[in-house]
Amino acid sequence: MHWQPVLPERFKLGEGPFWDPPTQALYFVDIAGHLACRLDAGGLTRWALSEPVSAFIPTTRGDALVALASGLYRLDLTSPTDRPSLRLFTEVDPVAGNRPNESRCDPQGRLWLGTMQNNLTPSGGDLPVTRDSGGLFLISPGAGAPQVTPLLEGLGIPNTLEWSADGRYLYFADSRAGQLYRYGLRPDGSLGEREAWAADGPGAPDGSALDSQGYLWNARWGAGCLLRFDPEGRIAQRIEVPVSHPTSCVFGGPDLRTLYLTSATPAAGQSALDGGLFKATVEVAGRPCHRFAG
């Protein structure tokens, strides 16, 4: 697979790539750099925020949600990039010292948001994760205030939120536990039984994207590769990447055959390309991302 750099910039902790089909735009964040980024035909736009931002997801009403340590906010996409206009949408995790990490919208347009113990200093440096204090929350849009439903607790570092095409399963990872899980989904949308789904592999499981064949492409933190798992959780392919710490991936482009890859710049042992944003053309199309329905 031939990886091409998309931008000359390097990011501290590039994460959360989201492809928006209606606008053909890529949304992503630099968590430690406090940046919400959008790349479209007009180039790269970066909104500078005052705290770590782990998700940047457009909505059906035309603004975007950003997940900050202090809560979930609406960002006016027409506001100045150096003075972004934010409005608190809802607080999510009541546990002091936690911050959001992974967030994705399901096909119904509901936001699933995982939290973890904060592991970043104010300047974006690393702090150790010493407790499994994170949770998983479901944020459903409504006519008034959104509904926040706690789903899981006792999580280390939540990552990967993807749904099988038939709606039977949620794929979810806890990077601190080093495990990719599969949860059954009940008809009412609640979580069923959990199973340790994927085979062991190098590095730690980070963010993922699901393709049209039902295979999960998982970024392996610290291992310089993606692993493509078949629907039974077996490793079907190992894809080498040009960075040591890939963080997540998403399918984009007009035909969803461009795989975008985000990465981090590690504190030690970094290479010249670490922290970059990359793309590669793939043979199989991916499944589309979904905006927040509100």
C-alpha atoms as a PDB file:
ATOM      1  CA  MET A   1       0.000   0.000   0.000  1.00  0.00           C
ATOM      2  CA  HIS A   2       1.349   3.400  -1.005  1.00  0.00           C
ATOM      3  CA  TRP A   3       0.942   6.050   1.697  1.00  0.00           C
ATOM      4  CA  GLN A   4       1.086   9.721   0.727  1.00  0.00           C
ATOM      5  CA  PRO A   5       1.380  12.674   3.127  1.00  0.00           C
ATOM      6  CA  VAL A   6      -1.715  14.867   2.937  1.00  0.00           C
ATOM      7  CA  LEU A   7      -0.258  17.899   4.731  1.00  0.00           C
ATOM      8  CA  PRO A   8       3.210  19.168   5.639  1.00  0.00           C
ATOM      9  CA  GLU A   9       2.083  19.794   9.232  1.00  0.00           C
ATOM     10  CA  ARG A  10       2.923  17.451  12.098  1.00  0.00           C
ATOM     11  CA  PHE A  11       0.519  17.133  15.021  1.00  0.00           C
ATOM     12  CA  LYS A  12       1.103  16.229  18.662  1.00  0.00           C
ATOM     13  CA  LEU A  13      -1.765  13.756  18.879  1.00  0.00           C
ATOM     14  CA  GLY A  14      -3.729  13.546  15.648  1.00  0.00           C
ATOM     15  CA  GLU A  15      -6.946  11.608  16.212  1.00  0.00           C
ATOM     16  CA  GLY A  16     -10.643  11.153  15.494  1.00  0.00           C
ATOM     17  CA  PRO A  17     -10.753  11.328  11.676  1.00  0.00           C
ATOM     18  CA  PHE A  18     -14.289  11.803  10.317  1.00  0.00           C
ATOM     19  CA  TRP A  19     -15.185  11.933   6.614  1.00  0.00           C
ATOM     20  CA  ASP A  20     -18.234  14.043   5.790  1.00  0.00           C
ATOM     21  CA  PRO A  21     -19.710  12.798   2.467  1.00  0.00           C
ATOM     22  CA  PRO A  22     -22.038  15.793   1.827  1.00  0.00           C
ATOM     23  CA  THR A  23     -19.155  18.294   1.878  1.00  0.00           C
ATOM     24  CA  GLN A  24     -16.309  15.937   0.926  1.00  0.00           C
ATOM     25  CA  ALA A  25     -14.392  17.195   3.959  1.00  0.00           C
ATOM     26  CA  LEU A  26     -12.142  15.480   6.480  1.00  0.00           C
ATOM     27  CA  TYR A  27     -12.554  16.457  10.125  1.00  0.00           C
ATOM     28  CA  PHE A  28      -9.939  15.490  12.717  1.00  0.00           C
ATOM     29  CA  VAL A  29      -8.349  16.768  15.928  1.00  0.00           C
ATOM     30  CA  ASP A  30      -4.998  17.283  17.568  1.00  0.00           C
ATOM     31  CA  ILE A  31      -5.968  16.336  21.122  1.00  0.00           C
ATOM     32  CA  ALA A  32      -2.786  17.546  22.809  1.00  0.00           C
ATOM     33  CA  GLY A  33      -2.441  20.538  20.474  1.00  0.00           C
ATOM     34  CA  HIS A  34      -5.986  21.753  21.268  1.00  0.00           C
ATOM     35  CA  LEU A  35      -6.911  21.938  17.572  1.00  0.00           C
ATOM     36  CA  ALA A  36     -10.120  21.076  15.709  1.00  0.00           C
ATOM     37  CA  CYS A  37      -9.191  20.693  12.030  1.00  0.00           C
ATOM     38  CA  ARG A  38     -11.171  20.522   8.797  1.00  0.00           C
ATOM     39  CA  LEU A  39      -9.620  19.743   5.426  1.00  0.00           C
ATOM     40  CA  ASP A  40     -11.670  20.419   2.307  1.00  0.00           C
ATOM     41  CA  ALA A  41     -11.231  21.761  -1.211  1.00  0.00           C
ATOM     42  CA  GLY A  42     -10.384  25.157   0.272  1.00  0.00           C
ATOM     43  CA  GLY A  43      -7.507  23.795   2.337  1.00  0.00           C
ATOM     44  CA  LEU A  44      -6.911  23.245   6.046  1.00  0.00           C
ATOM     45  CA  THR A  45      -8.837  25.198   8.685  1.00  0.00           C
ATOM     46  CA  ARG A  46      -7.763  24.920  12.341  1.00  0.00           C
ATOM     47  CA  TRP A  47      -9.866  26.186  15.237  1.00  0.00           C
ATOM     48  CA  ALA A  48      -7.632  26.836  18.271  1.00  0.00           C
ATOM     49  CA  LEU A  49      -9.295  25.714  21.508  1.00  0.00           C
ATOM     50  CA  SER A  50      -8.325  26.280  25.123  1.00  0.00           C
ATOM     51  CA  GLU A  51      -8.254  22.638  26.234  1.00  0.00           C
ATOM     52  CA  PRO A  52      -7.775  19.134  24.823  1.00  0.00           C
ATOM     53  CA  VAL A  53     -10.302  18.255  22.107  1.00  0.00           C
ATOM     54  CA  SER A  54     -10.902  14.602  21.292  1.00  0.00           C
ATOM     55  CA  ALA A  55     -13.683  14.747  18.683  1.00  0.00           C
ATOM     56  CA  PHE A  56     -14.873  17.086  15.930  1.00  0.00           C
ATOM     57  CA  ILE A  57     -18.101  15.865  14.332  1.00  0.00           C
ATOM     58  CA  PRO A  58     -20.428  17.863  12.056  1.00  0.00           C
ATOM     59  CA  THR A  59     -24.151  17.912  12.754  1.00  0.00           C
ATOM     60  CA  THR A  60     -27.248  17.867  10.575  1.00  0.00           C
ATOM     61  CA  ARG A  61     -28.027  21.457  11.621  1.00  0.00           C
ATOM     62  CA  GLY A  62     -24.763  22.754  10.110  1.00  0.00           C
ATOM     63  CA  ASP A  63     -22.481  23.307  13.082  1.00  0.00           C
ATOM     64  CA  ALA A  64     -20.212  20.731  14.737  1.00  0.00           C
ATOM     65  CA  LEU A  65     -19.770  19.029  18.091  1.00  0.00           C
ATOM     66  CA  VAL A  66     -16.402  19.213  19.818  1.00  0.00           C
ATOM     67  CA  ALA A  67     -15.631  17.023  22.825  1.00  0.00           C
ATOM     68  CA  LEU A  68     -13.567  18.968  25.363  1.00  0.00           C
ATOM     69  CA  ALA A  69     -12.435  18.057  28.843  1.00  0.00           C
ATOM     70  CA  SER A  70     -15.083  20.376  30.310  1.00  0.00           C
ATOM     71  CA  GLY A  71     -17.977  19.053  28.240  1.00  0.00           C
ATOM     72  CA  LEU A  72     -19.519  18.593  24.822  1.00  0.00           C
ATOM     73  CA  TYR A  73     -19.870  21.867  22.901  1.00  0.00           C
ATOM     74  CA  ARG A  74     -21.369  23.147  19.672  1.00  0.00           C
ATOM     75  CA  LEU A  75     -18.825  24.949  17.496  1.00  0.00           C
ATOM     76  CA  ASP A  76     -19.996  27.591  15.032  1.00  0.00           C
ATOM     77  CA  LEU A  77     -18.067  26.721  11.877  1.00  0.00           C
ATOM     78  CA  THR A  78     -18.345  30.301  10.646  1.00  0.00           C
ATOM     79  CA  SER A  79     -16.623  31.717  13.744  1.00  0.00           C
ATOM     80  CA  PRO A  80     -13.015  32.986  13.672  1.00  0.00           C
ATOM     81  CA  THR A  81     -10.446  30.210  13.998  1.00  0.00           C
ATOM     82  CA  ASP A  82      -8.560  32.097  16.714  1.00  0.00           C
ATOM     83  CA  ARG A  83     -11.777  32.950  18.618  1.00  0.00           C
ATOM     84  CA  PRO A  84     -14.077  29.987  18.041  1.00  0.00           C
ATOM     85  CA  SER A  85     -17.679  30.440  19.129  1.00  0.00           C
ATOM     86  CA  LEU A  86     -18.599  27.602  21.504  1.00  0.00           C
ATOM     87  CA  ARG A  87     -21.870  26.816  23.261  1.00  0.00           C
ATOM     88  CA  LEU A  88     -22.114  24.110  25.891  1.00  0.00           C
ATOM     89  CA  PHE A  89     -24.298  21.301  24.585  1.00  0.00           C
ATOM     90  CA  THR A  90     -24.094  18.973  27.578  1.00  0.00           C
ATOM     91  CA  GLU A  91     -21.804  17.751  30.301  1.00  0.00           C
ATOM     92  CA  VAL A  92     -21.138  14.036  30.007  1.00  0.00           C
ATOM     93  CA  ASP A  93     -18.887  12.328  32.566  1.00  0.00           C
ATOM     94  CA  PRO A  94     -19.353  13.293  36.240  1.00  0.00           C
ATOM     95  CA  VAL A  95     -16.057  11.676  37.315  1.00  0.00           C
ATOM     96  CA  ALA A  96     -13.540  14.353  38.287  1.00  0.00           C
ATOM     97  CA  GLY A  97     -10.251  14.141  36.396  1.00  0.00           C
ATOM     98  CA  ASN A  98     -11.671  12.343  33.355  1.00  0.00           C
ATOM     99  CA  ARG A  99     -11.676  13.614  29.786  1.00  0.00           C
ATOM    100  CA  PRO A 100     -13.319  12.403  26.552  1.00  0.00           C
ATOM    101  CA  ASN A 101     -11.299  10.200  24.226  1.00  0.00           C
ATOM    102  CA  GLU A 102     -13.107   8.275  21.465  1.00  0.00           C
ATOM    103  CA  SER A 103     -16.384   9.491  19.921  1.00  0.00           C
ATOM    104  CA  ARG A 104     -18.427   8.306  16.932  1.00  0.00           C
ATOM    105  CA  CYS A 105     -22.008   8.580  15.718  1.00  0.00           C
ATOM    106  CA  ASP A 106     -24.021   5.458  14.992  1.00  0.00           C
ATOM    107  CA  PRO A 107     -26.249   5.122  11.889  1.00  0.00           C
ATOM    108  CA  GLN A 108     -29.112   6.707  13.869  1.00  0.00           C
ATOM    109  CA  GLY A 109     -27.026   9.843  14.404  1.00  0.00           C
ATOM    110  CA  ARG A 110     -26.534   9.332  18.140  1.00  0.00           C
ATOM    111  CA  LEU A 111     -23.129  10.128  19.626  1.00  0.00           C
ATOM    112  CA  TRP A 112     -21.257   7.430  21.541  1.00  0.00           C
ATOM    113  CA  LEU A 113     -18.530   8.962  23.697  1.00  0.00           C
ATOM    114  CA  GLY A 114     -15.848   7.176  25.712  1.00  0.00           C
ATOM    115  CA  THR A 115     -13.941   8.860  28.547  1.00  0.00           C
ATOM    116  CA  MET A 116     -10.706   8.145  30.397  1.00  0.00           C
ATOM    117  CA  GLN A 117      -8.487   9.488  33.164  1.00  0.00           C
ATOM    118  CA  ASN A 118      -6.887  12.670  31.845  1.00  0.00           C
ATOM    119  CA  ASN A 119      -3.366  11.885  30.649  1.00  0.00           C
ATOM    120  CA  LEU A 120      -2.317  15.330  29.393  1.00  0.00           C
ATOM    121  CA  THR A 121      -0.655  18.308  31.040  1.00  0.00           C
ATOM    122  CA  PRO A 122      -1.936  21.816  30.155  1.00  0.00           C
ATOM    123  CA  SER A 123       0.852  22.096  27.577  1.00  0.00           C
ATOM    124  CA  GLY A 124       0.032  18.739  25.994  1.00  0.00           C
ATOM    125  CA  GLY A 125       2.655  16.616  27.712  1.00  0.00           C
ATOM    126  CA  ASP A 126       2.054  13.066  28.860  1.00  0.00           C
ATOM    127  CA  LEU A 127       0.718  12.001  32.255  1.00  0.00           C
ATOM    128  CA  PRO A 128       0.479   8.350  33.347  1.00  0.00           C
ATOM    129  CA  VAL A 129      -2.886   6.598  33.318  1.00  0.00           C
ATOM    130  CA  THR A 130      -3.128   4.933  36.720  1.00  0.00           C
ATOM    131  CA  ARG A 131      -6.808   4.035  37.027  1.00  0.00           C
ATOM    132  CA  ASP A 132      -9.659   2.595  35.002  1.00  0.00           C
ATOM    133  CA  SER A 133     -12.065   5.440  35.695  1.00  0.00           C
ATOM    134  CA  GLY A 134     -13.466   5.932  32.194  1.00  0.00           C
ATOM    135  CA  GLY A 135     -16.959   5.300  30.912  1.00  0.00           C
ATOM    136  CA  LEU A 136     -18.995   4.988  27.735  1.00  0.00           C
ATOM    137  CA  PHE A 137     -21.965   7.294  27.229  1.00  0.00           C
ATOM    138  CA  LEU A 138     -24.730   7.590  24.638  1.00  0.00           C
ATOM    139  CA  ILE A 139     -25.846  11.129  23.749  1.00  0.00           C
ATOM    140  CA  SER A 140     -29.191  11.188  21.963  1.00  0.00           C
ATOM    141  CA  PRO A 141     -30.510  14.366  20.324  1.00  0.00           C
ATOM    142  CA  GLY A 142     -33.869  15.700  21.404  1.00  0.00           C
ATOM    143  CA  ALA A 143     -36.205  18.636  21.016  1.00  0.00           C
ATOM    144  CA  GLY A 144     -34.743  20.177  24.159  1.00  0.00           C
ATOM    145  CA  ALA A 145     -31.705  19.063  26.110  1.00  0.00           C
ATOM    146  CA  PRO A 146     -29.909  15.957  24.839  1.00  0.00           C
ATOM    147  CA  GLN A 147     -30.326  12.705  26.733  1.00  0.00           C
ATOM    148  CA  VAL A 148     -27.089  11.291  28.199  1.00  0.00           C
ATOM    149  CA  THR A 149     -27.193   7.574  29.014  1.00  0.00           C
ATOM    150  CA  PRO A 150     -24.286   5.859  30.822  1.00  0.00           C
ATOM    151  CA  LEU A 151     -23.504   2.503  29.194  1.00  0.00           C
ATOM    152  CA  LEU A 152     -20.193   1.257  30.643  1.00  0.00           C
ATOM    153  CA  GLU A 153     -17.854   2.123  33.509  1.00  0.00           C
ATOM    154  CA  GLY A 154     -14.413   1.056  34.688  1.00  0.00           C
ATOM    155  CA  LEU A 155     -12.747   1.681  31.324  1.00  0.00           C
ATOM    156  CA  GLY A 156      -9.038   2.411  30.868  1.00  0.00           C
ATOM    157  CA  ILE A 157      -8.548   4.034  27.446  1.00  0.00           C
ATOM    158  CA  PRO A 158     -11.656   3.642  25.254  1.00  0.00           C
ATOM    159  CA  ASN A 159     -11.070   3.477  21.516  1.00  0.00           C
ATOM    160  CA  THR A 160     -12.773   2.117  18.372  1.00  0.00           C
ATOM    161  CA  LEU A 161     -16.514   2.609  18.032  1.00  0.00           C
ATOM    162  CA  GLU A 162     -17.935   0.834  14.984  1.00  0.00           C
ATOM    163  CA  TRP A 163     -21.213  -0.946  14.254  1.00  0.00           C
ATOM    164  CA  SER A 164     -21.727  -4.045  12.130  1.00  0.00           C
ATOM    165  CA  ALA A 165     -23.768  -3.497   8.978  1.00  0.00           C
ATOM    166  CA  ASP A 166     -26.590  -5.698  10.274  1.00  0.00           C
ATOM    167  CA  GLY A 167     -26.806  -3.706  13.498  1.00  0.00           C
ATOM    168  CA  ARG A 168     -26.131  -6.730  15.701  1.00  0.00           C
ATOM    169  CA  TYR A 169     -22.757  -5.727  17.148  1.00  0.00           C
ATOM    170  CA  LEU A 170     -20.706  -2.848  18.498  1.00  0.00           C
ATOM    171  CA  TYR A 171     -16.925  -3.115  18.062  1.00  0.00           C
ATOM    172  CA  PHE A 172     -15.079  -1.414  20.913  1.00  0.00           C
ATOM    173  CA  ALA A 173     -11.511  -1.331  22.246  1.00  0.00           C
ATOM    174  CA  ASP A 174      -9.877  -0.615  25.566  1.00  0.00           C
ATOM    175  CA  SER A 175      -6.282   0.260  24.744  1.00  0.00           C
ATOM    176  CA  ARG A 176      -5.182   0.041  28.371  1.00  0.00           C
ATOM    177  CA  ALA A 177      -6.475  -3.530  28.511  1.00  0.00           C
ATOM    178  CA  GLY A 178      -4.970  -4.219  25.073  1.00  0.00           C
ATOM    179  CA  GLN A 179      -8.201  -5.767  23.807  1.00  0.00           C
ATOM    180  CA  LEU A 180     -10.741  -5.368  21.013  1.00  0.00           C
ATOM    181  CA  TYR A 181     -14.227  -6.379  22.129  1.00  0.00           C
ATOM    182  CA  ARG A 182     -17.528  -7.086  20.457  1.00  0.00           C
ATOM    183  CA  TYR A 183     -20.786  -6.283  22.225  1.00  0.00           C
ATOM    184  CA  GLY A 184     -24.185  -7.546  21.225  1.00  0.00           C
ATOM    185  CA  LEU A 185     -26.742  -4.821  20.598  1.00  0.00           C
ATOM    186  CA  ARG A 186     -30.251  -5.377  21.922  1.00  0.00           C
ATOM    187  CA  PRO A 187     -33.348  -4.214  19.981  1.00  0.00           C
ATOM    188  CA  ASP A 188     -33.757  -1.262  22.358  1.00  0.00           C
ATOM    189  CA  GLY A 189     -30.206  -0.117  21.571  1.00  0.00           C
ATOM    190  CA  SER A 190     -28.661  -1.160  24.882  1.00  0.00           C
ATOM    191  CA  LEU A 191     -25.504  -3.255  25.106  1.00  0.00           C
ATOM    192  CA  GLY A 192     -25.677  -7.025  25.456  1.00  0.00           C
ATOM    193  CA  GLU A 193     -22.936  -9.495  26.283  1.00  0.00           C
ATOM    194  CA  ARG A 194     -19.274  -8.620  25.772  1.00  0.00           C
ATOM    195  CA  GLU A 195     -16.791 -10.957  24.139  1.00  0.00           C
ATOM    196  CA  ALA A 196     -13.044 -10.656  23.604  1.00  0.00           C
ATOM    197  CA  TRP A 197     -13.405 -10.610  19.851  1.00  0.00           C
ATOM    198  CA  ALA A 198     -10.124 -10.001  18.018  1.00  0.00           C
ATOM    199  CA  ALA A 199      -6.932 -12.007  17.906  1.00  0.00           C
ATOM    200  CA  ASP A 200      -3.862 -10.699  19.714  1.00  0.00           C
ATOM    201  CA  GLY A 201      -1.573  -8.474  17.681  1.00  0.00           C
ATOM    202  CA  PRO A 202       1.363  -6.094  17.997  1.00  0.00           C
ATOM    203  CA  GLY A 203       1.041  -2.816  19.837  1.00  0.00           C
ATOM    204  CA  ALA A 204      -2.189  -1.653  21.452  1.00  0.00           C
ATOM    205  CA  PRO A 205      -5.543  -1.346  19.661  1.00  0.00           C
ATOM    206  CA  ASP A 206      -6.448   2.267  18.895  1.00  0.00           C
ATOM    207  CA  GLY A 207      -9.036   3.720  16.495  1.00  0.00           C
ATOM    208  CA  SER A 208     -10.664   1.775  13.658  1.00  0.00           C
ATOM    209  CA  ALA A 209     -12.704   1.944  10.469  1.00  0.00           C
ATOM    210  CA  LEU A 210     -15.058  -0.670   9.046  1.00  0.00           C
ATOM    211  CA  ASP A 211     -15.110  -1.548   5.345  1.00  0.00           C
ATOM    212  CA  SER A 212     -18.012  -2.649   3.138  1.00  0.00           C
ATOM    213  CA  GLN A 213     -17.005  -6.311   3.507  1.00  0.00           C
ATOM    214  CA  GLY A 214     -17.348  -6.177   7.283  1.00  0.00           C
ATOM    215  CA  TYR A 215     -13.601  -6.137   7.975  1.00  0.00           C
ATOM    216  CA  LEU A 216     -12.281  -3.867  10.727  1.00  0.00           C
ATOM    217  CA  TRP A 217      -9.111  -1.836  10.047  1.00  0.00           C
ATOM    218  CA  ASN A 218      -7.481  -1.155  13.419  1.00  0.00           C
ATOM    219  CA  ALA A 219      -4.591   1.250  14.100  1.00  0.00           C
ATOM    220  CA  ARG A 220      -1.969  -0.361  16.344  1.00  0.00           C
ATOM    221  CA  TRP A 221      -0.472   2.199  18.723  1.00  0.00           C
ATOM    222  CA  GLY A 222       3.295   1.785  18.974  1.00  0.00           C
ATOM    223  CA  ALA A 223       3.493  -0.959  16.327  1.00  0.00           C
ATOM    224  CA  GLY A 224       3.648   1.068  13.097  1.00  0.00           C
ATOM    225  CA  CYS A 225       0.862  -0.835  11.372  1.00  0.00           C
ATOM    226  CA  LEU A 226      -2.833  -1.408  10.821  1.00  0.00           C
ATOM    227  CA  LEU A 227      -4.401  -4.814  11.313  1.00  0.00           C
ATOM    228  CA  ARG A 228      -7.365  -5.793   9.160  1.00  0.00           C
ATOM    229  CA  PHE A 229      -9.616  -8.212  11.043  1.00  0.00           C
ATOM    230  CA  ASP A 230     -12.214 -10.409   9.353  1.00  0.00           C
ATOM    231  CA  PRO A 231     -15.764 -10.561  10.787  1.00  0.00           C
ATOM    232  CA  GLU A 232     -14.719 -13.437  13.063  1.00  0.00           C
ATOM    233  CA  GLY A 233     -11.881 -11.410  14.599  1.00  0.00           C
ATOM    234  CA  ARG A 234      -9.031 -13.156  12.789  1.00  0.00           C
ATOM    235  CA  ILE A 235      -6.119 -11.151  11.387  1.00  0.00           C
ATOM    236  CA  ALA A 236      -6.557 -11.097   7.623  1.00  0.00           C
ATOM    237  CA  GLN A 237      -3.850  -8.583   6.770  1.00  0.00           C
ATOM    238  CA  ARG A 238      -1.109  -6.500   8.344  1.00  0.00           C
ATOM    239  CA  ILE A 239      -0.567  -3.116   6.675  1.00  0.00           C
ATOM    240  CA  GLU A 240       2.649  -1.269   7.426  1.00  0.00           C
ATOM    241  CA  VAL A 241       2.345   2.501   7.878  1.00  0.00           C
ATOM    242  CA  PRO A 242       5.022   5.241   7.754  1.00  0.00           C
ATOM    243  CA  VAL A 243       4.627   6.238  11.426  1.00  0.00           C
ATOM    244  CA  SER A 244       5.379   4.547  14.722  1.00  0.00           C
ATOM    245  CA  HIS A 245       2.159   5.513  16.500  1.00  0.00           C
ATOM    246  CA  PRO A 246      -0.871   5.396  14.191  1.00  0.00           C
ATOM    247  CA  THR A 247      -3.980   6.481  16.068  1.00  0.00           C
ATOM    248  CA  SER A 248      -6.989   5.974  13.810  1.00  0.00           C
ATOM    249  CA  CYS A 249      -8.228   5.756  10.235  1.00  0.00           C
ATOM    250  CA  VAL A 250     -11.317   6.522   8.185  1.00  0.00           C
ATOM    251  CA  PHE A 251     -12.532   5.834   4.649  1.00  0.00           C
ATOM    252  CA  GLY A 252     -13.128   8.921   2.526  1.00  0.00           C
ATOM    253  CA  GLY A 253     -13.148  10.322  -0.980  1.00  0.00           C
ATOM    254  CA  PRO A 254     -16.061  10.280  -3.445  1.00  0.00           C
ATOM    255  CA  ASP A 255     -16.068   6.464  -3.575  1.00  0.00           C
ATOM    256  CA  LEU A 256     -14.902   5.829   0.020  1.00  0.00           C
ATOM    257  CA  ARG A 257     -11.766   4.131  -1.305  1.00  0.00           C
ATOM    258  CA  THR A 258      -9.278   6.586   0.194  1.00  0.00           C
ATOM    259  CA  LEU A 259      -8.062   5.529   3.616  1.00  0.00           C
ATOM    260  CA  TYR A 260      -6.954   8.459   5.795  1.00  0.00           C
ATOM    261  CA  LEU A 261      -4.581   7.813   8.692  1.00  0.00           C
ATOM    262  CA  THR A 262      -3.883  10.016  11.725  1.00  0.00           C
ATOM    263  CA  SER A 263      -0.845   9.642  13.954  1.00  0.00           C
ATOM    264  CA  ALA A 264       0.902  10.950  17.061  1.00  0.00           C
ATOM    265  CA  THR A 265       4.316  12.388  17.762  1.00  0.00           C
ATOM    266  CA  PRO A 266       5.692  10.270  20.631  1.00  0.00           C
ATOM    267  CA  ALA A 267       7.697  11.829  23.436  1.00  0.00           C
ATOM    268  CA  ALA A 268      10.710   9.661  22.590  1.00  0.00           C
ATOM    269  CA  GLY A 269      11.963   7.758  19.565  1.00  0.00           C
ATOM    270  CA  GLN A 270      10.024   9.802  17.033  1.00  0.00           C
ATOM    271  CA  SER A 271      10.645   9.593  13.305  1.00  0.00           C
ATOM    272  CA  ALA A 272      10.456  12.405  10.776  1.00  0.00           C
ATOM    273  CA  LEU A 273       6.929  11.443   9.711  1.00  0.00           C
ATOM    274  CA  ASP A 274       5.373  10.843  13.127  1.00  0.00           C
ATOM    275  CA  GLY A 275       2.397  13.124  13.766  1.00  0.00           C
ATOM    276  CA  GLY A 276       1.537  13.357  10.076  1.00  0.00           C
ATOM    277  CA  LEU A 277      -1.742  12.857   8.225  1.00  0.00           C
ATOM    278  CA  PHE A 278      -1.583  10.314   5.396  1.00  0.00           C
ATOM    279  CA  LYS A 279      -3.792   8.734   2.759  1.00  0.00           C
ATOM    280  CA  ALA A 280      -3.711   5.626   0.591  1.00  0.00           C
ATOM    281  CA  THR A 281      -5.987   4.230  -2.100  1.00  0.00           C
ATOM    282  CA  VAL A 282      -7.525   0.883  -1.187  1.00  0.00           C
ATOM    283  CA  GLU A 283      -9.344  -1.729  -3.252  1.00  0.00           C
ATOM    284  CA  VAL A 284     -12.339  -2.153  -0.972  1.00  0.00           C
ATOM    285  CA  ALA A 285     -14.709   0.702  -0.180  1.00  0.00           C
ATOM    286  CA  GLY A 286     -15.402   1.722   3.382  1.00  0.00           C
ATOM    287  CA  ARG A 287     -18.600   2.458   5.237  1.00  0.00           C
ATOM    288  CA  PRO A 288     -19.635   6.103   5.600  1.00  0.00           C
ATOM    289  CA  CYS A 289     -19.460   8.219   8.750  1.00  0.00           C
ATOM    290  CA  HIS A 290     -22.666   9.680  10.159  1.00  0.00           C
ATOM    291  CA  ARG A 291     -23.302  13.227  11.332  1.00  0.00           C
ATOM    292  CA  PHE A 292     -24.883  13.926  14.702  1.00  0.00           C
ATOM    293  CA  ALA A 293     -28.630  14.103  14.120  1.00  0.00           C
ATOM    294  CA  GLY A 294     -29.362  17.353  15.872  1.00  0.00           C
END
